[in-house]
Amino acid sequence: MMSTNYMARANLELVMSFDHGSESSKVDPALKEKLKQNTVTLESEYEKLDKSNLDKWENIRGPSLWEDSRAVQKQRREAAHLKAE
Protein backbone atom coordinates (compact mmCIF):
# COMPACT_ATOMS: atom_id res chain seq x y z
CA MET A 1 0.00 0.00 0.00
CA MET A 2 1.42 3.34 -0.98
CA SER A 3 1.31 6.19 1.44
CA THR A 4 -0.65 9.29 0.52
CA ASN A 5 2.50 11.41 0.70
CA TYR A 6 4.23 9.19 -1.84
CA MET A 7 1.21 9.34 -4.14
CA ALA A 8 0.96 13.12 -3.73
CA ARG A 9 4.63 13.49 -4.64
CA ALA A 10 4.15 11.29 -7.71
CA ASN A 11 1.12 13.36 -8.74
CA LEU A 12 3.06 16.59 -8.25
CA GLU A 13 5.92 15.29 -10.39
CA LEU A 14 3.46 14.22 -13.05
CA VAL A 15 1.81 17.63 -13.09
CA MET A 16 5.17 19.38 -13.16
CA SER A 17 6.42 17.26 -16.06
CA PHE A 18 3.15 17.65 -17.95
CA ASP A 19 3.11 21.43 -17.55
CA HIS A 20 6.87 21.88 -17.91
CA GLY A 21 6.60 24.16 -20.92
CA SER A 22 3.68 26.16 -19.59
CA GLU A 23 4.46 29.36 -17.72
CA SER A 24 0.83 29.92 -16.74
CA SER A 25 0.60 26.87 -14.47
CA LYS A 26 2.62 27.15 -11.28
CA VAL A 27 2.80 24.79 -8.31
CA ASP A 28 2.07 26.32 -4.93
CA PRO A 29 5.50 26.85 -3.29
CA ALA A 30 4.17 25.85 0.14
CA LEU A 31 2.90 22.54 -1.25
CA LYS A 32 6.16 21.95 -3.07
CA GLU A 33 8.17 22.58 0.11
CA LYS A 34 5.92 20.29 2.14
CA LEU A 35 6.39 17.49 -0.38
CA LYS A 36 10.16 17.98 -0.36
CA GLN A 37 10.17 17.39 3.41
CA ASN A 38 8.53 14.01 2.88
CA THR A 39 10.96 11.18 3.66
CA VAL A 40 8.83 8.30 2.36
CA THR A 41 10.56 6.54 -0.50
CA LEU A 42 9.95 3.37 -2.40
CA GLU A 43 12.99 1.87 -0.69
CA SER A 44 11.70 2.71 2.81
CA GLU A 45 8.33 1.15 2.02
CA TYR A 46 10.09 -1.96 0.67
CA GLU A 47 12.15 -2.21 3.86
CA LYS A 48 8.96 -2.15 5.94
CA LEU A 49 7.54 -5.00 3.87
CA ASP A 50 10.82 -6.88 4.00
CA LYS A 51 10.87 -6.68 7.82
CA SER A 52 7.27 -7.87 8.17
CA ASN A 53 6.57 -11.54 8.72
CA LEU A 54 4.64 -12.65 5.65
CA ASP A 55 4.65 -16.30 6.71
CA LYS A 56 1.95 -15.54 9.27
CA TRP A 57 -0.16 -13.50 6.83
CA GLU A 58 -3.88 -13.73 7.41
CA ASN A 59 -6.26 -12.36 4.81
CA ILE A 60 -9.15 -10.68 6.62
CA ARG A 61 -12.12 -9.56 4.58
CA GLY A 62 -14.64 -6.97 5.62
CA PRO A 63 -18.34 -7.74 5.84
CA SER A 64 -20.43 -7.56 2.67
CA LEU A 65 -23.09 -4.92 2.32
CA TRP A 66 -25.87 -7.34 3.25
CA GLU A 67 -24.06 -8.67 6.33
CA ASP A 68 -24.39 -7.15 9.79
CA SER A 69 -20.90 -5.87 10.61
CA ARG A 70 -21.34 -6.30 14.37
CA ALA A 71 -22.38 -9.94 13.97
CA VAL A 72 -19.43 -10.64 11.68
CA GLN A 73 -17.02 -8.99 14.13
CA LYS A 74 -18.47 -11.04 16.98
CA GLN A 75 -18.02 -14.27 15.00
CA ARG A 76 -14.40 -13.37 14.21
CA ARG A 77 -13.63 -12.57 17.84
CA GLU A 78 -15.10 -15.89 18.94
CA ALA A 79 -13.17 -17.77 16.23
CA ALA A 80 -9.93 -16.01 17.22
CA HIS A 81 -10.58 -16.82 20.89
CA LEU A 82 -11.15 -20.51 20.06
CA LYS A 83 -8.07 -20.54 17.83
CA ALA A 84 -5.94 -19.12 20.66
CA GLU A 85 -6.97 -21.85 23.08
PDB file of N, CA and C in Angstrom:
ATOM      1  N   MET A   1       0.847  -1.169   0.000  1.00  0.00           N
ATOM      2  CA  MET A   1       0.000   0.000   0.000  1.00  0.00           C
ATOM      3  C   MET A   1       0.897   1.239   0.000  1.00  0.00           C
ATOM      4  N   MET A   2       0.624   2.129  -0.913  1.00  0.00           N
ATOM      5  CA  MET A   2       1.417   3.341  -0.979  1.00  0.00           C
ATOM      6  C   MET A   2       0.861   4.371  -0.011  1.00  0.00           C
ATOM      7  N   SER A   3       1.768   5.132   0.553  1.00  0.00           N
ATOM      8  CA  SER A   3       1.314   6.192   1.443  1.00  0.00           C
ATOM      9  C   SER A   3       0.774   7.349   0.616  1.00  0.00           C
ATOM     10  N   THR A   4      -0.061   8.157   1.242  1.00  0.00           N
ATOM     11  CA  THR A   4      -0.651   9.286   0.523  1.00  0.00           C
ATOM     12  C   THR A   4       0.409  10.322   0.174  1.00  0.00           C
ATOM     13  N   ASN A   5       1.436  10.456   1.013  1.00  0.00           N
ATOM     14  CA  ASN A   5       2.502  11.410   0.699  1.00  0.00           C
ATOM     15  C   ASN A   5       3.258  10.977  -0.546  1.00  0.00           C
ATOM     16  N   TYR A   6       3.523   9.695  -0.666  1.00  0.00           N
ATOM     17  CA  TYR A   6       4.230   9.190  -1.845  1.00  0.00           C
ATOM     18  C   TYR A   6       3.399   9.421  -3.090  1.00  0.00           C
ATOM     19  N   MET A   7       2.087   9.150  -2.990  1.00  0.00           N
ATOM     20  CA  MET A   7       1.211   9.342  -4.140  1.00  0.00           C
ATOM     21  C   MET A   7       1.096  10.822  -4.490  1.00  0.00           C
ATOM     22  N   ALA A   8       1.042  11.683  -3.479  1.00  0.00           N
ATOM     23  CA  ALA A   8       0.957  13.123  -3.735  1.00  0.00           C
ATOM     24  C   ALA A   8       2.216  13.612  -4.421  1.00  0.00           C
ATOM     25  N   ARG A   9       3.371  13.101  -4.002  1.00  0.00           N
ATOM     26  CA  ARG A   9       4.630  13.490  -4.640  1.00  0.00           C
ATOM     27  C   ARG A   9       4.651  13.021  -6.086  1.00  0.00           C
ATOM     28  N   ALA A  10       4.188  11.809  -6.335  1.00  0.00           N
ATOM     29  CA  ALA A  10       4.153  11.291  -7.708  1.00  0.00           C
ATOM     30  C   ALA A  10       3.211  12.128  -8.565  1.00  0.00           C
ATOM     31  N   ASN A  11       2.060  12.510  -8.002  1.00  0.00           N
ATOM     32  CA  ASN A  11       1.125  13.355  -8.741  1.00  0.00           C
ATOM     33  C   ASN A  11       1.723  14.722  -9.025  1.00  0.00           C
ATOM     34  N   LEU A  12       2.430  15.295  -8.054  1.00  0.00           N
ATOM     35  CA  LEU A  12       3.059  16.589  -8.254  1.00  0.00           C
ATOM     36  C   LEU A  12       4.099  16.505  -9.361  1.00  0.00           C
ATOM     37  N   GLU A  13       4.910  15.444  -9.342  1.00  0.00           N
ATOM     38  CA  GLU A  13       5.922  15.294 -10.385  1.00  0.00           C
ATOM     39  C   GLU A  13       5.281  15.117 -11.750  1.00  0.00           C
ATOM     40  N   LEU A  14       4.167  14.399 -11.803  1.00  0.00           N
ATOM     41  CA  LEU A  14       3.464  14.217 -13.055  1.00  0.00           C
ATOM     42  C   LEU A  14       2.929  15.545 -13.575  1.00  0.00           C
ATOM     43  N   VAL A  15       2.339  16.328 -12.689  1.00  0.00           N
ATOM     44  CA  VAL A  15       1.811  17.633 -13.090  1.00  0.00           C
ATOM     45  C   VAL A  15       2.943  18.547 -13.529  1.00  0.00           C
ATOM     46  N   MET A  16       4.040  18.520 -12.810  1.00  0.00           N
ATOM     47  CA  MET A  16       5.172  19.375 -13.164  1.00  0.00           C
ATOM     48  C   MET A  16       5.754  18.977 -14.512  1.00  0.00           C
ATOM     49  N   SER A  17       5.856  17.683 -14.782  1.00  0.00           N
ATOM     50  CA  SER A  17       6.417  17.256 -16.056  1.00  0.00           C
ATOM     51  C   SER A  17       5.451  17.523 -17.201  1.00  0.00           C
ATOM     52  N   PHE A  18       4.159  17.402 -16.928  1.00  0.00           N
ATOM     53  CA  PHE A  18       3.146  17.647 -17.950  1.00  0.00           C
ATOM     54  C   PHE A  18       3.106  19.120 -18.328  1.00  0.00           C
ATOM     55  N   ASP A  19       3.211  19.999 -17.326  1.00  0.00           N
ATOM     56  CA  ASP A  19       3.114  21.432 -17.548  1.00  0.00           C
ATOM     57  C   ASP A  19       4.488  22.093 -17.632  1.00  0.00           C
ATOM     58  N   HIS A  20       5.510  21.354 -17.928  1.00  0.00           N
ATOM     59  CA  HIS A  20       6.866  21.883 -17.909  1.00  0.00           C
ATOM     60  C   HIS A  20       7.028  23.099 -18.819  1.00  0.00           C
ATOM     61  N   GLY A  21       6.442  23.061 -19.993  1.00  0.00           N
ATOM     62  CA  GLY A  21       6.603  24.159 -20.925  1.00  0.00           C
ATOM     63  C   GLY A  21       5.655  25.306 -20.685  1.00  0.00           C
ATOM     64  N   SER A  22       4.705  25.145 -19.797  1.00  0.00           N
ATOM     65  CA  SER A  22       3.679  26.163 -19.585  1.00  0.00           C
ATOM     66  C   SER A  22       4.080  27.092 -18.454  1.00  0.00           C
ATOM     67  N   GLU A  23       4.142  28.369 -18.743  1.00  0.00           N
ATOM     68  CA  GLU A  23       4.462  29.357 -17.717  1.00  0.00           C
ATOM     69  C   GLU A  23       3.238  29.723 -16.885  1.00  0.00           C
ATOM     70  N   SER A  24       2.039  29.496 -17.439  1.00  0.00           N
ATOM     71  CA  SER A  24       0.828  29.920 -16.744  1.00  0.00           C
ATOM     72  C   SER A  24       0.488  29.017 -15.564  1.00  0.00           C
ATOM     73  N   SER A  25       0.923  27.776 -15.569  1.00  0.00           N
ATOM     74  CA  SER A  25       0.598  26.870 -14.470  1.00  0.00           C
ATOM     75  C   SER A  25       1.783  26.772 -13.521  1.00  0.00           C
ATOM     76  N   LYS A  26       1.577  27.183 -12.308  1.00  0.00           N
ATOM     77  CA  LYS A  26       2.619  27.150 -11.285  1.00  0.00           C
ATOM     78  C   LYS A  26       2.153  26.275 -10.133  1.00  0.00           C
ATOM     79  N   VAL A  27       3.094  25.606  -9.484  1.00  0.00           N
ATOM     80  CA  VAL A  27       2.797  24.792  -8.309  1.00  0.00           C
ATOM     81  C   VAL A  27       2.948  25.683  -7.089  1.00  0.00           C
ATOM     82  N   ASP A  28       2.024  25.545  -6.162  1.00  0.00           N
ATOM     83  CA  ASP A  28       2.072  26.323  -4.926  1.00  0.00           C
ATOM     84  C   ASP A  28       3.397  26.042  -4.214  1.00  0.00           C
ATOM     85  N   PRO A  29       4.187  27.062  -3.934  1.00  0.00           N
ATOM     86  CA  PRO A  29       5.496  26.845  -3.289  1.00  0.00           C
ATOM     87  C   PRO A  29       5.389  26.176  -1.926  1.00  0.00           C
ATOM     88  N   ALA A  30       4.328  26.477  -1.180  1.00  0.00           N
ATOM     89  CA  ALA A  30       4.166  25.853   0.140  1.00  0.00           C
ATOM     90  C   ALA A  30       3.946  24.347  -0.012  1.00  0.00           C
ATOM     91  N   LEU A  31       3.137  23.959  -1.001  1.00  0.00           N
ATOM     92  CA  LEU A  31       2.898  22.537  -1.247  1.00  0.00           C
ATOM     93  C   LEU A  31       4.175  21.853  -1.712  1.00  0.00           C
ATOM     94  N   LYS A  32       4.905  22.518  -2.565  1.00  0.00           N
ATOM     95  CA  LYS A  32       6.157  21.949  -3.075  1.00  0.00           C
ATOM     96  C   LYS A  32       7.158  21.737  -1.937  1.00  0.00           C
ATOM     97  N   GLU A  33       7.252  22.699  -1.032  1.00  0.00           N
ATOM     98  CA  GLU A  33       8.166  22.578   0.107  1.00  0.00           C
ATOM     99  C   GLU A  33       7.728  21.462   1.045  1.00  0.00           C
ATOM    100  N   LYS A  34       6.430  21.348   1.267  1.00  0.00           N
ATOM    101  CA  LYS A  34       5.915  20.287   2.141  1.00  0.00           C
ATOM    102  C   LYS A  34       6.229  18.916   1.558  1.00  0.00           C
ATOM    103  N   LEU A  35       6.095  18.771   0.251  1.00  0.00           N
ATOM    104  CA  LEU A  35       6.388  17.487  -0.378  1.00  0.00           C
ATOM    105  C   LEU A  35       7.875  17.180  -0.379  1.00  0.00           C
ATOM    106  N   LYS A  36       8.718  18.194  -0.425  1.00  0.00           N
ATOM    107  CA  LYS A  36      10.165  17.977  -0.361  1.00  0.00           C
ATOM    108  C   LYS A  36      10.582  17.444   1.007  1.00  0.00           C
ATOM    109  N   GLN A  37       9.842  17.842   2.055  1.00  0.00           N
ATOM    110  CA  GLN A  37      10.169  17.392   3.408  1.00  0.00           C
ATOM    111  C   GLN A  37       9.777  15.940   3.642  1.00  0.00           C
ATOM    112  N   ASN A  38       8.987  15.389   2.755  1.00  0.00           N
ATOM    113  CA  ASN A  38       8.531  14.008   2.875  1.00  0.00           C
ATOM    114  C   ASN A  38       9.723  13.063   2.761  1.00  0.00           C
ATOM    115  N   THR A  39       9.832  12.114   3.675  1.00  0.00           N
ATOM    116  CA  THR A  39      10.955  11.180   3.655  1.00  0.00           C
ATOM    117  C   THR A  39      10.534   9.781   3.217  1.00  0.00           C
ATOM    118  N   VAL A  40       9.298   9.606   2.799  1.00  0.00           N
ATOM    119  CA  VAL A  40       8.825   8.298   2.363  1.00  0.00           C
ATOM    120  C   VAL A  40       9.340   8.037   0.956  1.00  0.00           C
ATOM    121  N   THR A  41      10.045   6.923   0.816  1.00  0.00           N
ATOM    122  CA  THR A  41      10.558   6.544  -0.497  1.00  0.00           C
ATOM    123  C   THR A  41      10.115   5.117  -0.793  1.00  0.00           C
ATOM    124  N   LEU A  42      10.275   4.730  -2.010  1.00  0.00           N
ATOM    125  CA  LEU A  42       9.953   3.367  -2.396  1.00  0.00           C
ATOM    126  C   LEU A  42      10.820   2.379  -1.624  1.00  0.00           C
ATOM    127  N   GLU A  43      12.075   2.741  -1.427  1.00  0.00           N
ATOM    128  CA  GLU A  43      12.990   1.868  -0.689  1.00  0.00           C
ATOM    129  C   GLU A  43      12.569   1.718   0.769  1.00  0.00           C
ATOM    130  N   SER A  44      12.115   2.810   1.405  1.00  0.00           N
ATOM    131  CA  SER A  44      11.703   2.712   2.807  1.00  0.00           C
ATOM    132  C   SER A  44      10.437   1.868   2.946  1.00  0.00           C
ATOM    133  N   GLU A  45       9.528   1.984   1.989  1.00  0.00           N
ATOM    134  CA  GLU A  45       8.328   1.149   2.016  1.00  0.00           C
ATOM    135  C   GLU A  45       8.694  -0.314   1.790  1.00  0.00           C
ATOM    136  N   TYR A  46       9.642  -0.587   0.905  1.00  0.00           N
ATOM    137  CA  TYR A  46      10.092  -1.958   0.668  1.00  0.00           C
ATOM    138  C   TYR A  46      10.734  -2.530   1.923  1.00  0.00           C
ATOM    139  N   GLU A  47      11.517  -1.730   2.630  1.00  0.00           N
ATOM    140  CA  GLU A  47      12.153  -2.206   3.860  1.00  0.00           C
ATOM    141  C   GLU A  47      11.112  -2.580   4.909  1.00  0.00           C
ATOM    142  N   LYS A  48      10.030  -1.806   5.003  1.00  0.00           N
ATOM    143  CA  LYS A  48       8.957  -2.150   5.943  1.00  0.00           C
ATOM    144  C   LYS A  48       8.345  -3.501   5.583  1.00  0.00           C
ATOM    145  N   LEU A  49       8.101  -3.723   4.297  1.00  0.00           N
ATOM    146  CA  LEU A  49       7.541  -5.003   3.870  1.00  0.00           C
ATOM    147  C   LEU A  49       8.527  -6.135   4.084  1.00  0.00           C
ATOM    148  N   ASP A  50       9.795  -5.854   3.849  1.00  0.00           N
ATOM    149  CA  ASP A  50      10.823  -6.877   4.003  1.00  0.00           C
ATOM    150  C   ASP A  50      10.951  -7.311   5.468  1.00  0.00           C
ATOM    151  N   LYS A  51      10.767  -6.378   6.395  1.00  0.00           N
ATOM    152  CA  LYS A  51      10.866  -6.683   7.821  1.00  0.00           C
ATOM    153  C   LYS A  51       9.630  -7.398   8.356  1.00  0.00           C
ATOM    154  N   SER A  52       8.499  -7.238   7.678  1.00  0.00           N
ATOM    155  CA  SER A  52       7.269  -7.867   8.174  1.00  0.00           C
ATOM    156  C   SER A  52       7.310  -9.371   7.949  1.00  0.00           C
ATOM    157  N   ASN A  53       6.592 -10.094   8.780  1.00  0.00           N
ATOM    158  CA  ASN A  53       6.569 -11.541   8.716  1.00  0.00           C
ATOM    159  C   ASN A  53       5.407 -11.979   7.826  1.00  0.00           C
ATOM    160  N   LEU A  54       5.687 -12.276   6.595  1.00  0.00           N
ATOM    161  CA  LEU A  54       4.642 -12.645   5.652  1.00  0.00           C
ATOM    162  C   LEU A  54       4.244 -14.111   5.757  1.00  0.00           C
ATOM    163  N   ASP A  55       5.004 -14.896   6.530  1.00  0.00           N
ATOM    164  CA  ASP A  55       4.646 -16.303   6.711  1.00  0.00           C
ATOM    165  C   ASP A  55       3.392 -16.460   7.572  1.00  0.00           C
ATOM    166  N   LYS A  56       3.124 -15.476   8.407  1.00  0.00           N
ATOM    167  CA  LYS A  56       1.945 -15.537   9.275  1.00  0.00           C
ATOM    168  C   LYS A  56       0.842 -14.616   8.756  1.00  0.00           C
ATOM    169  N   TRP A  57       0.833 -14.371   7.457  1.00  0.00           N
ATOM    170  CA  TRP A  57      -0.158 -13.500   6.834  1.00  0.00           C
ATOM    171  C   TRP A  57      -1.543 -14.103   6.958  1.00  0.00           C
ATOM    172  N   GLU A  58      -2.498 -13.290   7.336  1.00  0.00           N
ATOM    173  CA  GLU A  58      -3.879 -13.731   7.409  1.00  0.00           C
ATOM    174  C   GLU A  58      -4.724 -12.734   6.627  1.00  0.00           C
ATOM    175  N   ASN A  59      -5.422 -13.221   5.625  1.00  0.00           N
ATOM    176  CA  ASN A  59      -6.256 -12.362   4.810  1.00  0.00           C
ATOM    177  C   ASN A  59      -7.603 -12.185   5.513  1.00  0.00           C
ATOM    178  N   ILE A  60      -7.918 -10.963   5.895  1.00  0.00           N
ATOM    179  CA  ILE A  60      -9.154 -10.677   6.617  1.00  0.00           C
ATOM    180  C   ILE A  60     -10.040  -9.833   5.722  1.00  0.00           C
ATOM    181  N   ARG A  61     -11.217 -10.330   5.434  1.00  0.00           N
ATOM    182  CA  ARG A  61     -12.125  -9.563   4.585  1.00  0.00           C
ATOM    183  C   ARG A  61     -13.131  -8.832   5.447  1.00  0.00           C
ATOM    184  N   GLY A  62     -13.598  -7.732   4.938  1.00  0.00           N
ATOM    185  CA  GLY A  62     -14.639  -6.972   5.616  1.00  0.00           C
ATOM    186  C   GLY A  62     -15.998  -7.566   5.315  1.00  0.00           C
ATOM    187  N   PRO A  63     -17.001  -7.200   6.086  1.00  0.00           N
ATOM    188  CA  PRO A  63     -18.342  -7.736   5.841  1.00  0.00           C
ATOM    189  C   PRO A  63     -18.913  -7.204   4.529  1.00  0.00           C
ATOM    190  N   SER A  64     -19.731  -8.005   3.882  1.00  0.00           N
ATOM    191  CA  SER A  64     -20.426  -7.565   2.673  1.00  0.00           C
ATOM    192  C   SER A  64     -21.530  -6.594   3.051  1.00  0.00           C
ATOM    193  N   LEU A  65     -22.062  -5.922   2.058  1.00  0.00           N
ATOM    194  CA  LEU A  65     -23.091  -4.916   2.316  1.00  0.00           C
ATOM    195  C   LEU A  65     -24.320  -5.501   3.005  1.00  0.00           C
ATOM    196  N   TRP A  66     -24.661  -6.729   2.685  1.00  0.00           N
ATOM    197  CA  TRP A  66     -25.869  -7.340   3.249  1.00  0.00           C
ATOM    198  C   TRP A  66     -25.619  -8.024   4.592  1.00  0.00           C
ATOM    199  N   GLU A  67     -24.371  -8.057   5.053  1.00  0.00           N
ATOM    200  CA  GLU A  67     -24.055  -8.673   6.333  1.00  0.00           C
ATOM    201  C   GLU A  67     -24.050  -7.617   7.438  1.00  0.00           C
ATOM    202  N   ASP A  68     -24.437  -8.025   8.623  1.00  0.00           N
ATOM    203  CA  ASP A  68     -24.393  -7.153   9.792  1.00  0.00           C
ATOM    204  C   ASP A  68     -22.948  -7.126  10.291  1.00  0.00           C
ATOM    205  N   SER A  69     -22.326  -5.952  10.266  1.00  0.00           N
ATOM    206  CA  SER A  69     -20.901  -5.867  10.611  1.00  0.00           C
ATOM    207  C   SER A  69     -20.639  -6.258  12.066  1.00  0.00           C
ATOM    208  N   ARG A  70     -21.538  -5.940  12.957  1.00  0.00           N
ATOM    209  CA  ARG A  70     -21.340  -6.305  14.371  1.00  0.00           C
ATOM    210  C   ARG A  70     -21.379  -7.820  14.563  1.00  0.00           C
ATOM    211  N   ALA A  71     -22.290  -8.487  13.863  1.00  0.00           N
ATOM    212  CA  ALA A  71     -22.385  -9.940  13.972  1.00  0.00           C
ATOM    213  C   ALA A  71     -21.132 -10.603  13.404  1.00  0.00           C
ATOM    214  N   VAL A  72     -20.637 -10.081  12.292  1.00  0.00           N
ATOM    215  CA  VAL A  72     -19.428 -10.639  11.679  1.00  0.00           C
ATOM    216  C   VAL A  72     -18.235 -10.440  12.597  1.00  0.00           C
ATOM    217  N   GLN A  73     -18.120  -9.245  13.200  1.00  0.00           N
ATOM    218  CA  GLN A  73     -17.019  -8.990  14.133  1.00  0.00           C
ATOM    219  C   GLN A  73     -17.095  -9.922  15.339  1.00  0.00           C
ATOM    220  N   LYS A  74     -18.290 -10.147  15.837  1.00  0.00           N
ATOM    221  CA  LYS A  74     -18.467 -11.038  16.982  1.00  0.00           C
ATOM    222  C   LYS A  74     -18.035 -12.457  16.630  1.00  0.00           C
ATOM    223  N   GLN A  75     -18.416 -12.936  15.444  1.00  0.00           N
ATOM    224  CA  GLN A  75     -18.019 -14.267  15.004  1.00  0.00           C
ATOM    225  C   GLN A  75     -16.504 -14.373  14.886  1.00  0.00           C
ATOM    226  N   ARG A  76     -15.870 -13.340  14.357  1.00  0.00           N
ATOM    227  CA  ARG A  76     -14.405 -13.370  14.205  1.00  0.00           C
ATOM    228  C   ARG A  76     -13.700 -13.362  15.553  1.00  0.00           C
ATOM    229  N   ARG A  77     -14.228 -12.575  16.496  1.00  0.00           N
ATOM    230  CA  ARG A  77     -13.631 -12.567  17.837  1.00  0.00           C
ATOM    231  C   ARG A  77     -13.734 -13.936  18.487  1.00  0.00           C
ATOM    232  N   GLU A  78     -14.910 -14.564  18.355  1.00  0.00           N
ATOM    233  CA  GLU A  78     -15.097 -15.894  18.936  1.00  0.00           C
ATOM    234  C   GLU A  78     -14.184 -16.915  18.264  1.00  0.00           C
ATOM    235  N   ALA A  79     -14.043 -16.842  16.954  1.00  0.00           N
ATOM    236  CA  ALA A  79     -13.172 -17.767  16.234  1.00  0.00           C
ATOM    237  C   ALA A  79     -11.712 -17.562  16.640  1.00  0.00           C
ATOM    238  N   ALA A  80     -11.298 -16.294  16.800  1.00  0.00           N
ATOM    239  CA  ALA A  80      -9.927 -16.006  17.221  1.00  0.00           C
ATOM    240  C   ALA A  80      -9.692 -16.493  18.645  1.00  0.00           C
ATOM    241  N   HIS A  81     -10.709 -16.365  19.495  1.00  0.00           N
ATOM    242  CA  HIS A  81     -10.584 -16.825  20.887  1.00  0.00           C
ATOM    243  C   HIS A  81     -10.442 -18.352  20.926  1.00  0.00           C
ATOM    244  N   LEU A  82     -11.231 -19.055  20.119  1.00  0.00           N
ATOM    245  CA  LEU A  82     -11.146 -20.512  20.061  1.00  0.00           C
ATOM    246  C   LEU A  82      -9.823 -20.967  19.467  1.00  0.00           C
ATOM    247  N   LYS A  83      -9.344 -20.212  18.487  1.00  0.00           N
ATOM    248  CA  LYS A  83      -8.068 -20.545  17.831  1.00  0.00           C
ATOM    249  C   LYS A  83      -6.897 -20.380  18.804  1.00  0.00           C
ATOM    250  N   ALA A  84      -7.002 -19.390  19.696  1.00  0.00           N
ATOM    251  CA  ALA A  84      -5.942 -19.121  20.658  1.00  0.00           C
ATOM    252  C   ALA A  84      -5.862 -20.176  21.754  1.00  0.00           C
ATOM    253  N   GLU A  85      -6.956 -20.853  21.993  1.00  0.00           N
ATOM    254  CA  GLU A  85      -6.975 -21.850  23.076  1.00  0.00           C
ATOM    255  C   GLU A  85      -6.297 -23.113  22.720  1.00  0.00           C
TER     256      GLU A  85
END
